[in-house]
Amino acid sequence: MENNTDIFVLTSVVIVLFLVFIIATVREFNAMSSTKFVEEEEGGPRAEMLRLIGKLFTDDRLGDITKANLKNAVKNAIDELNPQDSTKQGQEKQEG
């Protein structure tokens, strides 16, 4: 019994912390259900670029060829912004 006191102490601490976690989670969910979530419009350069792309592709005045050219230009720009994909493409070019 003397050898197991540390196990009993640690187990009781873990149980208390788990109960505190459960109580805090329940309280937070109750608080969230009583308040209304106000969604804010996303900002920043990424959001602005996505809005611009969306406006370009929903514009009926642009032809299909123009939209295809814009799509390719945007795809190339996004590929350049993503460093992981560009390193993979560079390795594939060197291997191939």
C-alpha atoms as a PDB file:
ATOM      1  CA  MET A   1       0.000   0.000   0.000  1.00  0.00           C
ATOM      2  CA  GLU A   2       2.855   2.375   0.731  1.00  0.00           C
ATOM      3  CA  ASN A   3       4.348   1.840  -2.703  1.00  0.00           C
ATOM      4  CA  ASN A   4       1.129   2.818  -4.466  1.00  0.00           C
ATOM      5  CA  THR A   5       0.552   6.193  -2.803  1.00  0.00           C
ATOM      6  CA  ASP A   6       2.102   8.061  -5.707  1.00  0.00           C
ATOM      7  CA  ILE A   7      -0.255   6.308  -8.125  1.00  0.00           C
ATOM      8  CA  PHE A   8      -3.264   7.217  -5.981  1.00  0.00           C
ATOM      9  CA  VAL A   9      -2.174  10.860  -5.752  1.00  0.00           C
ATOM     10  CA  LEU A  10      -1.515  11.185  -9.469  1.00  0.00           C
ATOM     11  CA  THR A  11      -4.764   9.429 -10.348  1.00  0.00           C
ATOM     12  CA  SER A  12      -6.752  11.730  -8.075  1.00  0.00           C
ATOM     13  CA  VAL A  13      -5.064  14.794  -9.614  1.00  0.00           C
ATOM     14  CA  VAL A  14      -5.880  13.572 -13.133  1.00  0.00           C
ATOM     15  CA  ILE A  15      -9.493  12.875 -12.167  1.00  0.00           C
ATOM     16  CA  VAL A  16      -9.890  16.335 -10.638  1.00  0.00           C
ATOM     17  CA  LEU A  17      -8.375  18.002 -13.702  1.00  0.00           C
ATOM     18  CA  PHE A  18     -10.604  15.966 -16.009  1.00  0.00           C
ATOM     19  CA  LEU A  19     -13.696  16.989 -14.036  1.00  0.00           C
ATOM     20  CA  VAL A  20     -12.611  20.645 -14.194  1.00  0.00           C
ATOM     21  CA  PHE A  21     -12.206  20.297 -17.958  1.00  0.00           C
ATOM     22  CA  ILE A  22     -15.678  18.776 -18.340  1.00  0.00           C
ATOM     23  CA  ILE A  23     -17.299  21.465 -16.203  1.00  0.00           C
ATOM     24  CA  ALA A  24     -15.519  24.272 -18.071  1.00  0.00           C
ATOM     25  CA  THR A  25     -16.524  22.763 -21.415  1.00  0.00           C
ATOM     26  CA  VAL A  26     -20.179  22.475 -20.406  1.00  0.00           C
ATOM     27  CA  ARG A  27     -20.196  26.058 -19.131  1.00  0.00           C
ATOM     28  CA  GLU A  28     -18.613  27.321 -22.345  1.00  0.00           C
ATOM     29  CA  PHE A  29     -21.139  25.493 -24.511  1.00  0.00           C
ATOM     30  CA  ASN A  30     -23.984  26.907 -22.413  1.00  0.00           C
ATOM     31  CA  ALA A  31     -22.552  30.408 -22.785  1.00  0.00           C
ATOM     32  CA  MET A  32     -22.173  29.912 -26.538  1.00  0.00           C
ATOM     33  CA  SER A  33     -25.756  28.727 -26.922  1.00  0.00           C
ATOM     34  CA  SER A  34     -27.110  31.798 -25.144  1.00  0.00           C
ATOM     35  CA  THR A  35     -25.122  34.331 -27.186  1.00  0.00           C
ATOM     36  CA  LYS A  36     -25.552  34.909 -30.887  1.00  0.00           C
ATOM     37  CA  PHE A  37     -22.456  34.547 -33.037  1.00  0.00           C
ATOM     38  CA  VAL A  38     -21.797  37.578 -35.214  1.00  0.00           C
ATOM     39  CA  GLU A  39     -19.874  36.595 -38.293  1.00  0.00           C
ATOM     40  CA  GLU A  40     -17.454  39.238 -39.446  1.00  0.00           C
ATOM     41  CA  GLU A  41     -16.385  39.633 -43.024  1.00  0.00           C
ATOM     42  CA  GLU A  42     -12.937  38.225 -43.617  1.00  0.00           C
ATOM     43  CA  GLY A  43     -10.282  40.797 -44.441  1.00  0.00           C
ATOM     44  CA  GLY A  44      -6.743  40.862 -45.661  1.00  0.00           C
ATOM     45  CA  PRO A  45      -5.004  40.326 -48.982  1.00  0.00           C
ATOM     46  CA  ARG A  46      -6.064  36.702 -49.349  1.00  0.00           C
ATOM     47  CA  ALA A  47      -9.741  37.520 -48.872  1.00  0.00           C
ATOM     48  CA  GLU A  48      -9.533  40.437 -51.285  1.00  0.00           C
ATOM     49  CA  MET A  49      -7.883  38.232 -53.929  1.00  0.00           C
ATOM     50  CA  LEU A  50     -10.599  35.596 -53.547  1.00  0.00           C
ATOM     51  CA  ARG A  51     -13.322  38.253 -53.881  1.00  0.00           C
ATOM     52  CA  LEU A  52     -11.664  39.620 -57.020  1.00  0.00           C
ATOM     53  CA  ILE A  53     -11.384  36.153 -58.539  1.00  0.00           C
ATOM     54  CA  GLY A  54     -15.010  35.470 -57.697  1.00  0.00           C
ATOM     55  CA  LYS A  55     -16.109  38.713 -59.349  1.00  0.00           C
ATOM     56  CA  LEU A  56     -14.048  37.959 -62.447  1.00  0.00           C
ATOM     57  CA  PHE A  57     -15.516  34.511 -62.967  1.00  0.00           C
ATOM     58  CA  THR A  58     -19.096  35.587 -62.327  1.00  0.00           C
ATOM     59  CA  ASP A  59     -18.821  38.466 -64.784  1.00  0.00           C
ATOM     60  CA  ASP A  60     -20.802  37.521 -67.893  1.00  0.00           C
ATOM     61  CA  ARG A  61     -19.099  40.188 -70.002  1.00  0.00           C
ATOM     62  CA  LEU A  62     -15.853  38.202 -70.078  1.00  0.00           C
ATOM     63  CA  GLY A  63     -15.462  35.497 -72.691  1.00  0.00           C
ATOM     64  CA  ASP A  64     -14.534  31.893 -72.021  1.00  0.00           C
ATOM     65  CA  ILE A  65     -11.020  32.361 -73.435  1.00  0.00           C
ATOM     66  CA  THR A  66     -10.406  35.364 -71.190  1.00  0.00           C
ATOM     67  CA  LYS A  67     -11.632  33.430 -68.152  1.00  0.00           C
ATOM     68  CA  ALA A  68      -9.339  30.514 -69.048  1.00  0.00           C
ATOM     69  CA  ASN A  69      -6.357  32.885 -69.368  1.00  0.00           C
ATOM     70  CA  LEU A  70      -7.206  34.476 -66.015  1.00  0.00           C
ATOM     71  CA  LYS A  71      -7.574  31.047 -64.431  1.00  0.00           C
ATOM     72  CA  ASN A  72      -4.121  30.018 -65.643  1.00  0.00           C
ATOM     73  CA  ALA A  73      -2.579  33.291 -64.458  1.00  0.00           C
ATOM     74  CA  VAL A  74      -4.151  32.938 -61.026  1.00  0.00           C
ATOM     75  CA  LYS A  75      -3.083  29.298 -60.790  1.00  0.00           C
ATOM     76  CA  ASN A  76       0.514  30.241 -61.598  1.00  0.00           C
ATOM     77  CA  ALA A  77       0.444  33.054 -59.026  1.00  0.00           C
ATOM     78  CA  ILE A  78      -0.916  30.741 -56.340  1.00  0.00           C
ATOM     79  CA  ASP A  79       1.707  28.106 -57.183  1.00  0.00           C
ATOM     80  CA  GLU A  80       4.435  30.721 -56.749  1.00  0.00           C
ATOM     81  CA  LEU A  81       3.027  31.750 -53.369  1.00  0.00           C
ATOM     82  CA  ASN A  82       3.023  28.194 -52.026  1.00  0.00           C
ATOM     83  CA  PRO A  83       6.674  27.344 -51.266  1.00  0.00           C
ATOM     84  CA  GLN A  84       6.028  23.643 -50.588  1.00  0.00           C
ATOM     85  CA  ASP A  85       4.551  23.010 -54.008  1.00  0.00           C
ATOM     86  CA  SER A  86       7.249  25.008 -55.790  1.00  0.00           C
ATOM     87  CA  THR A  87      10.029  22.950 -54.174  1.00  0.00           C
ATOM     88  CA  LYS A  88       8.269  19.736 -55.184  1.00  0.00           C
ATOM     89  CA  GLN A  89       7.873  20.996 -58.743  1.00  0.00           C
ATOM     90  CA  GLY A  90      11.527  22.017 -58.822  1.00  0.00           C
ATOM     91  CA  GLN A  91      12.566  18.544 -57.711  1.00  0.00           C
ATOM     92  CA  GLU A  92      10.330  16.937 -60.319  1.00  0.00           C
ATOM     93  CA  LYS A  93      11.833  19.121 -63.050  1.00  0.00           C
ATOM     94  CA  GLN A  94      15.357  18.160 -61.968  1.00  0.00           C
ATOM     95  CA  GLU A  95      14.507  14.459 -61.866  1.00  0.00           C
ATOM     96  CA  GLY A  96      12.610  14.498 -65.167  1.00  0.00           C
END
